[in-house]
Amino acid sequence: MTRINWSQFKQFKQDRPNPAGLDNFQLLLEFIRSIDNFLGPDEMYAILAEDDLSRQMMEKRGIGDAAGVEEHLYRLMRR
């Protein structure tokens, strides 16, 4: 399973313009999607749930399953 590389995420944030004002969790979703475009919400949730920091980010937003991740991805695509 893919693990989140926080050093790469930090570099991703520095290299990516953020005119839409995405928060760190939204940027994290974009980062994970950029690693592998074929990941669905189930796989993304599994990656996020395996990491303590990203799990805290999900808890803060009330995300407890893949459907919650899918909802956030939908919001990102609507921007």
C-alpha atoms as a PDB file:
ATOM      1  CA  MET A   1       0.000   0.000   0.000  1.00  0.00           C
ATOM      2  CA  THR A   2       1.121   3.528  -0.726  1.00  0.00           C
ATOM      3  CA  ARG A   3       2.259   5.533   2.272  1.00  0.00           C
ATOM      4  CA  ILE A   4       2.207   9.307   2.514  1.00  0.00           C
ATOM      5  CA  ASN A   5       5.663  10.832   2.131  1.00  0.00           C
ATOM      6  CA  TRP A   6       5.326  14.097   4.039  1.00  0.00           C
ATOM      7  CA  SER A   7       8.582  15.506   2.622  1.00  0.00           C
ATOM      8  CA  GLN A   8       7.237  15.033  -0.900  1.00  0.00           C
ATOM      9  CA  PHE A   9       3.915  16.556   0.163  1.00  0.00           C
ATOM     10  CA  LYS A  10       5.698  19.616   1.514  1.00  0.00           C
ATOM     11  CA  GLN A  11       7.549  19.998  -1.797  1.00  0.00           C
ATOM     12  CA  PHE A  12       4.267  19.480  -3.679  1.00  0.00           C
ATOM     13  CA  LYS A  13       2.692  22.339  -1.710  1.00  0.00           C
ATOM     14  CA  GLN A  14       5.629  24.644  -2.460  1.00  0.00           C
ATOM     15  CA  ASP A  15       5.643  23.819  -6.183  1.00  0.00           C
ATOM     16  CA  ARG A  16       1.882  23.995  -6.738  1.00  0.00           C
ATOM     17  CA  PRO A  17       0.111  27.325  -7.037  1.00  0.00           C
ATOM     18  CA  ASN A  18      -2.969  27.492  -4.830  1.00  0.00           C
ATOM     19  CA  PRO A  19      -5.197  30.260  -6.229  1.00  0.00           C
ATOM     20  CA  ALA A  20      -8.355  28.452  -5.070  1.00  0.00           C
ATOM     21  CA  GLY A  21      -7.193  28.631  -1.451  1.00  0.00           C
ATOM     22  CA  LEU A  22      -7.332  24.881  -0.813  1.00  0.00           C
ATOM     23  CA  ASP A  23      -6.698  23.812   2.776  1.00  0.00           C
ATOM     24  CA  ASN A  24      -4.028  21.261   3.729  1.00  0.00           C
ATOM     25  CA  PHE A  25      -6.422  18.306   3.583  1.00  0.00           C
ATOM     26  CA  GLN A  26      -7.625  19.250   0.105  1.00  0.00           C
ATOM     27  CA  LEU A  27      -4.037  19.648  -1.010  1.00  0.00           C
ATOM     28  CA  LEU A  28      -3.255  16.245   0.501  1.00  0.00           C
ATOM     29  CA  LEU A  29      -6.046  14.684  -1.567  1.00  0.00           C
ATOM     30  CA  GLU A  30      -4.616  16.358  -4.680  1.00  0.00           C
ATOM     31  CA  PHE A  31      -1.147  15.087  -3.767  1.00  0.00           C
ATOM     32  CA  ILE A  32      -2.354  11.504  -3.365  1.00  0.00           C
ATOM     33  CA  ARG A  33      -4.232  11.732  -6.668  1.00  0.00           C
ATOM     34  CA  SER A  34      -1.086  13.058  -8.355  1.00  0.00           C
ATOM     35  CA  ILE A  35       0.858   9.980  -7.239  1.00  0.00           C
ATOM     36  CA  ASP A  36      -1.605   7.544  -8.785  1.00  0.00           C
ATOM     37  CA  ASN A  37      -4.514   8.800 -10.887  1.00  0.00           C
ATOM     38  CA  PHE A  38      -6.253   5.427 -10.738  1.00  0.00           C
ATOM     39  CA  LEU A  39      -6.981   5.482  -7.018  1.00  0.00           C
ATOM     40  CA  GLY A  40     -10.614   5.497  -6.041  1.00  0.00           C
ATOM     41  CA  PRO A  41     -12.085   6.791  -2.789  1.00  0.00           C
ATOM     42  CA  ASP A  42     -11.720   3.379  -1.133  1.00  0.00           C
ATOM     43  CA  GLU A  43      -7.984   3.209  -1.797  1.00  0.00           C
ATOM     44  CA  MET A  44      -7.485   6.853  -0.866  1.00  0.00           C
ATOM     45  CA  TYR A  45      -9.336   6.332   2.411  1.00  0.00           C
ATOM     46  CA  ALA A  46      -7.142   3.301   3.172  1.00  0.00           C
ATOM     47  CA  ILE A  47      -3.986   5.379   2.577  1.00  0.00           C
ATOM     48  CA  LEU A  48      -5.268   8.235   4.736  1.00  0.00           C
ATOM     49  CA  ALA A  49      -6.440   5.922   7.522  1.00  0.00           C
ATOM     50  CA  GLU A  50      -2.987   4.324   7.796  1.00  0.00           C
ATOM     51  CA  ASP A  51      -1.306   7.634   8.668  1.00  0.00           C
ATOM     52  CA  ASP A  52      -1.800   9.314  12.062  1.00  0.00           C
ATOM     53  CA  LEU A  53      -1.724  12.915  10.810  1.00  0.00           C
ATOM     54  CA  SER A  54      -4.051  12.356   7.875  1.00  0.00           C
ATOM     55  CA  ARG A  55      -6.396  10.373  10.130  1.00  0.00           C
ATOM     56  CA  GLN A  56      -6.576  13.431  12.411  1.00  0.00           C
ATOM     57  CA  MET A  57      -7.336  15.610   9.374  1.00  0.00           C
ATOM     58  CA  MET A  58     -10.217  13.296   8.451  1.00  0.00           C
ATOM     59  CA  GLU A  59     -11.561  13.227  12.004  1.00  0.00           C
ATOM     60  CA  LYS A  60     -11.528  17.037  12.097  1.00  0.00           C
ATOM     61  CA  ARG A  61     -13.731  17.059   9.000  1.00  0.00           C
ATOM     62  CA  GLY A  62     -16.010  14.245  10.176  1.00  0.00           C
ATOM     63  CA  ILE A  63     -14.798  11.785   7.534  1.00  0.00           C
ATOM     64  CA  GLY A  64     -15.119   8.219   8.715  1.00  0.00           C
ATOM     65  CA  ASP A  65     -15.327   6.247   5.504  1.00  0.00           C
ATOM     66  CA  ALA A  66     -14.587   6.218   1.786  1.00  0.00           C
ATOM     67  CA  ALA A  67     -17.875   8.020   1.042  1.00  0.00           C
ATOM     68  CA  GLY A  68     -16.622  11.030   3.010  1.00  0.00           C
ATOM     69  CA  VAL A  69     -13.401  11.068   0.992  1.00  0.00           C
ATOM     70  CA  GLU A  70     -15.451  10.806  -2.198  1.00  0.00           C
ATOM     71  CA  GLU A  71     -17.532  13.813  -1.137  1.00  0.00           C
ATOM     72  CA  HIS A  72     -14.386  15.888  -0.578  1.00  0.00           C
ATOM     73  CA  LEU A  73     -13.001  14.784  -3.946  1.00  0.00           C
ATOM     74  CA  TYR A  74     -16.250  15.849  -5.587  1.00  0.00           C
ATOM     75  CA  ARG A  75     -15.966  19.283  -3.972  1.00  0.00           C
ATOM     76  CA  LEU A  76     -12.390  19.582  -5.257  1.00  0.00           C
ATOM     77  CA  MET A  77     -13.427  18.785  -8.814  1.00  0.00           C
ATOM     78  CA  ARG A  78     -16.228  21.362  -8.707  1.00  0.00           C
ATOM     79  CA  ARG A  79     -13.715  24.176  -8.020  1.00  0.00           C
END
